Structure formats: C-alpha cells, structure tokens
Amino acid sequence: MAKKKEQVEHLLIPEHVKLNEKEKKALLEKYNIEVKDLPKILSTDSAISHLDVEEKDVIKIIRKSSTAGTSTFYRGVINE
C-alpha cells in the first residue's frame, strides 16, 4: 500500500489546497479567465508535493496576514 504524503507544515510555508473541478470552474468563470492566465506553480514544488497535482490544476494559497487576517492567492499548475 502506498504511503500518503503528509502536508508540509512550516512557519514560512502557507497552506496550499487543490481546488476541485467545481471550485476551479467557479473561480475561472468569476474572473473570466483560463488556468493559463493565473500565476504559475511547478507541479514539482515541495509545497504541493502532498496534493497529487496534474497540469492545469488550480492551487489556492492561504497566507496569514497581520492586517487582513488571511489573504488568498491562486496558482495554475505547470509541468516544466
């Protein structure tokens, strides 16, 4: 049985979450964009190694902020 990779927990690495297809579609429609229009993140990035990502997936990054509480960013996965 394959061992599931653990989420990276480090003070300097914000939470990374893979959007499901419904969430991804809603995000892209809301902003009238395609995945290629988002900032990029490599599929080999150690921060998302536990997420089982594929090219064109969308990653939601949730950063803690002292002024806003949390800030949310999105990245499109690429396989370079």
N, C-alpha and C. Protein backbone atom coordinates (compact mmCIF):
# COMPACT_ATOMS: atom_id res chain seq x y z
N MET A 1 0.85 -1.17 0.00
CA MET A 1 0.00 0.00 0.00
C MET A 1 0.89 1.23 0.00
N ALA A 2 0.57 2.19 -0.88
CA ALA A 2 1.36 3.42 -0.98
C ALA A 2 1.08 4.31 0.23
N LYS A 3 2.13 4.90 0.72
CA LYS A 3 2.01 5.79 1.86
C LYS A 3 1.59 7.18 1.38
N LYS A 4 0.58 7.77 2.00
CA LYS A 4 0.12 9.10 1.63
C LYS A 4 1.11 10.14 2.12
N LYS A 5 1.42 11.09 1.25
CA LYS A 5 2.35 12.15 1.62
C LYS A 5 1.67 13.10 2.60
N GLU A 6 2.41 13.54 3.57
CA GLU A 6 1.89 14.47 4.58
C GLU A 6 1.96 15.90 4.07
N GLN A 7 1.03 16.73 4.53
CA GLN A 7 1.05 18.14 4.20
C GLN A 7 2.28 18.78 4.84
N VAL A 8 2.90 19.68 4.11
CA VAL A 8 4.07 20.38 4.61
C VAL A 8 3.63 21.38 5.67
N GLU A 9 4.21 21.29 6.85
CA GLU A 9 3.90 22.25 7.89
C GLU A 9 5.18 22.95 8.29
N HIS A 10 5.25 24.21 7.97
CA HIS A 10 6.43 25.01 8.26
C HIS A 10 5.95 26.44 8.47
N LEU A 11 6.57 27.14 9.35
CA LEU A 11 6.19 28.51 9.68
C LEU A 11 6.13 29.42 8.46
N LEU A 12 7.05 29.22 7.52
CA LEU A 12 7.13 30.11 6.37
C LEU A 12 6.36 29.62 5.14
N ILE A 13 5.77 28.44 5.19
CA ILE A 13 5.01 27.91 4.06
C ILE A 13 3.52 28.02 4.34
N PRO A 14 2.80 28.84 3.56
CA PRO A 14 1.37 28.99 3.79
C PRO A 14 0.61 27.73 3.37
N GLU A 15 -0.65 27.64 3.75
CA GLU A 15 -1.48 26.50 3.41
C GLU A 15 -1.75 26.48 1.90
N HIS A 16 -1.59 25.30 1.29
CA HIS A 16 -1.85 25.10 -0.13
C HIS A 16 -2.97 24.07 -0.26
N VAL A 17 -3.99 24.38 -1.06
CA VAL A 17 -5.14 23.50 -1.23
C VAL A 17 -5.44 23.36 -2.72
N LYS A 18 -5.63 22.14 -3.19
CA LYS A 18 -6.00 21.90 -4.59
C LYS A 18 -7.51 22.08 -4.72
N LEU A 19 -7.94 22.93 -5.67
CA LEU A 19 -9.37 23.12 -5.89
C LEU A 19 -9.95 21.93 -6.63
N ASN A 20 -11.18 21.56 -6.27
CA ASN A 20 -11.85 20.51 -7.04
C ASN A 20 -12.38 21.15 -8.32
N GLU A 21 -12.91 20.34 -9.23
CA GLU A 21 -13.34 20.85 -10.54
C GLU A 21 -14.44 21.91 -10.43
N LYS A 22 -15.36 21.73 -9.49
CA LYS A 22 -16.46 22.69 -9.32
C LYS A 22 -15.91 24.04 -8.84
N GLU A 23 -15.00 24.02 -7.87
CA GLU A 23 -14.39 25.25 -7.34
C GLU A 23 -13.55 25.94 -8.42
N LYS A 24 -12.81 25.13 -9.18
CA LYS A 24 -11.97 25.65 -10.25
C LYS A 24 -12.84 26.34 -11.31
N LYS A 25 -13.91 25.69 -11.73
CA LYS A 25 -14.80 26.26 -12.74
C LYS A 25 -15.41 27.58 -12.25
N ALA A 26 -15.84 27.61 -10.99
CA ALA A 26 -16.44 28.82 -10.42
C ALA A 26 -15.43 29.97 -10.38
N LEU A 27 -14.20 29.69 -9.98
CA LEU A 27 -13.16 30.72 -9.93
C LEU A 27 -12.87 31.29 -11.32
N LEU A 28 -12.70 30.40 -12.29
CA LEU A 28 -12.37 30.84 -13.64
C LEU A 28 -13.51 31.63 -14.26
N GLU A 29 -14.74 31.21 -14.00
CA GLU A 29 -15.90 31.94 -14.52
C GLU A 29 -16.06 33.30 -13.84
N LYS A 30 -15.83 33.34 -12.53
CA LYS A 30 -15.96 34.59 -11.78
C LYS A 30 -15.06 35.68 -12.35
N TYR A 31 -13.82 35.32 -12.68
CA TYR A 31 -12.86 36.30 -13.17
C TYR A 31 -12.71 36.28 -14.69
N ASN A 32 -13.50 35.43 -15.36
CA ASN A 32 -13.48 35.32 -16.82
C ASN A 32 -12.05 35.10 -17.33
N ILE A 33 -11.39 34.08 -16.78
CA ILE A 33 -10.01 33.76 -17.13
C ILE A 33 -9.89 32.26 -17.41
N GLU A 34 -8.71 31.85 -17.85
CA GLU A 34 -8.36 30.45 -18.01
C GLU A 34 -7.20 30.15 -17.08
N VAL A 35 -6.92 28.87 -16.86
CA VAL A 35 -5.83 28.48 -15.96
C VAL A 35 -4.51 29.12 -16.40
N LYS A 36 -4.29 29.22 -17.70
CA LYS A 36 -3.03 29.78 -18.22
C LYS A 36 -2.85 31.26 -17.85
N ASP A 37 -3.94 31.92 -17.45
CA ASP A 37 -3.87 33.33 -17.08
C ASP A 37 -3.44 33.54 -15.63
N LEU A 38 -3.47 32.48 -14.84
CA LEU A 38 -3.07 32.57 -13.43
C LEU A 38 -1.55 32.55 -13.30
N PRO A 39 -1.02 33.11 -12.21
CA PRO A 39 0.41 32.91 -11.93
C PRO A 39 0.68 31.41 -11.83
N LYS A 40 1.90 30.99 -12.11
CA LYS A 40 2.23 29.57 -12.20
C LYS A 40 2.86 29.02 -10.92
N ILE A 41 2.70 27.70 -10.75
CA ILE A 41 3.42 26.95 -9.72
C ILE A 41 3.80 25.62 -10.35
N LEU A 42 5.04 25.21 -10.17
CA LEU A 42 5.50 23.94 -10.73
C LEU A 42 4.89 22.75 -10.00
N SER A 43 4.56 21.72 -10.75
CA SER A 43 3.99 20.51 -10.15
C SER A 43 4.99 19.84 -9.20
N THR A 44 6.26 20.16 -9.35
CA THR A 44 7.31 19.58 -8.50
C THR A 44 7.61 20.42 -7.26
N ASP A 45 6.90 21.52 -7.08
CA ASP A 45 7.11 22.40 -5.92
C ASP A 45 6.87 21.60 -4.64
N SER A 46 7.78 21.68 -3.70
CA SER A 46 7.66 20.89 -2.46
C SER A 46 6.46 21.29 -1.62
N ALA A 47 5.95 22.50 -1.78
CA ALA A 47 4.78 22.94 -1.00
C ALA A 47 3.50 22.22 -1.43
N ILE A 48 3.47 21.67 -2.66
CA ILE A 48 2.27 20.97 -3.13
C ILE A 48 2.53 19.50 -3.42
N SER A 49 3.66 18.98 -2.99
CA SER A 49 4.01 17.58 -3.28
C SER A 49 3.01 16.59 -2.68
N HIS A 50 2.30 16.99 -1.64
CA HIS A 50 1.33 16.11 -0.97
C HIS A 50 -0.05 16.15 -1.62
N LEU A 51 -0.26 16.99 -2.65
CA LEU A 51 -1.59 17.21 -3.20
C LEU A 51 -1.94 16.37 -4.43
N ASP A 52 -1.02 15.59 -4.98
CA ASP A 52 -1.29 14.77 -6.16
C ASP A 52 -1.84 15.64 -7.30
N VAL A 53 -1.05 16.61 -7.72
CA VAL A 53 -1.50 17.58 -8.73
C VAL A 53 -1.14 17.14 -10.14
N GLU A 54 -1.88 17.69 -11.09
CA GLU A 54 -1.62 17.50 -12.51
C GLU A 54 -1.61 18.87 -13.16
N GLU A 55 -1.04 18.93 -14.36
CA GLU A 55 -1.02 20.20 -15.09
C GLU A 55 -2.44 20.71 -15.27
N LYS A 56 -2.61 22.01 -15.16
CA LYS A 56 -3.88 22.73 -15.29
C LYS A 56 -4.77 22.64 -14.05
N ASP A 57 -4.28 22.03 -12.96
CA ASP A 57 -4.98 22.12 -11.69
C ASP A 57 -4.80 23.53 -11.15
N VAL A 58 -5.65 23.92 -10.21
CA VAL A 58 -5.54 25.24 -9.58
C VAL A 58 -5.30 25.05 -8.09
N ILE A 59 -4.29 25.75 -7.58
CA ILE A 59 -3.92 25.69 -6.17
C ILE A 59 -4.34 26.99 -5.50
N LYS A 60 -5.00 26.85 -4.37
CA LYS A 60 -5.40 28.00 -3.56
C LYS A 60 -4.37 28.11 -2.43
N ILE A 61 -3.79 29.28 -2.28
CA ILE A 61 -2.78 29.51 -1.25
C ILE A 61 -3.36 30.48 -0.24
N ILE A 62 -3.38 30.07 1.03
CA ILE A 62 -3.97 30.89 2.08
C ILE A 62 -2.85 31.33 3.01
N ARG A 63 -2.56 32.63 2.97
CA ARG A 63 -1.49 33.19 3.79
C ARG A 63 -2.08 33.96 4.96
N LYS A 64 -1.46 33.82 6.11
CA LYS A 64 -1.87 34.59 7.29
C LYS A 64 -1.36 36.01 7.12
N SER A 65 -2.19 36.97 7.53
CA SER A 65 -1.84 38.37 7.40
C SER A 65 -2.17 39.09 8.70
N SER A 66 -1.24 39.90 9.18
CA SER A 66 -1.48 40.63 10.43
C SER A 66 -2.53 41.71 10.26
N THR A 67 -2.72 42.20 9.03
CA THR A 67 -3.70 43.26 8.80
C THR A 67 -5.04 42.75 8.27
N ALA A 68 -5.01 41.73 7.42
CA ALA A 68 -6.24 41.24 6.79
C ALA A 68 -6.76 39.94 7.40
N GLY A 69 -6.02 39.35 8.30
CA GLY A 69 -6.41 38.04 8.84
C GLY A 69 -5.85 36.94 7.96
N THR A 70 -6.41 36.80 6.75
CA THR A 70 -5.85 35.88 5.75
C THR A 70 -5.94 36.53 4.37
N SER A 71 -5.04 36.14 3.51
CA SER A 71 -5.05 36.56 2.12
C SER A 71 -5.04 35.31 1.26
N THR A 72 -5.84 35.31 0.20
CA THR A 72 -5.94 34.14 -0.67
C THR A 72 -5.37 34.46 -2.04
N PHE A 73 -4.58 33.53 -2.54
CA PHE A 73 -3.95 33.64 -3.86
C PHE A 73 -4.20 32.35 -4.60
N TYR A 74 -4.14 32.40 -5.93
CA TYR A 74 -4.36 31.21 -6.75
C TYR A 74 -3.19 31.04 -7.72
N ARG A 75 -2.84 29.79 -7.98
CA ARG A 75 -1.76 29.46 -8.92
C ARG A 75 -2.23 28.33 -9.82
N GLY A 76 -1.83 28.39 -11.10
CA GLY A 76 -2.08 27.31 -12.04
C GLY A 76 -0.88 26.39 -12.09
N VAL A 77 -1.11 25.10 -12.04
CA VAL A 77 -0.02 24.11 -12.04
C VAL A 77 0.51 23.89 -13.44
N ILE A 78 1.85 23.91 -13.56
CA ILE A 78 2.52 23.60 -14.83
C ILE A 78 3.54 22.49 -14.60
N ASN A 79 3.93 21.81 -15.68
CA ASN A 79 4.86 20.66 -15.58
C ASN A 79 6.23 20.96 -16.17
N GLU A 80 6.75 22.11 -16.08
CA GLU A 80 8.03 22.41 -16.72
C GLU A 80 9.16 21.67 -16.14
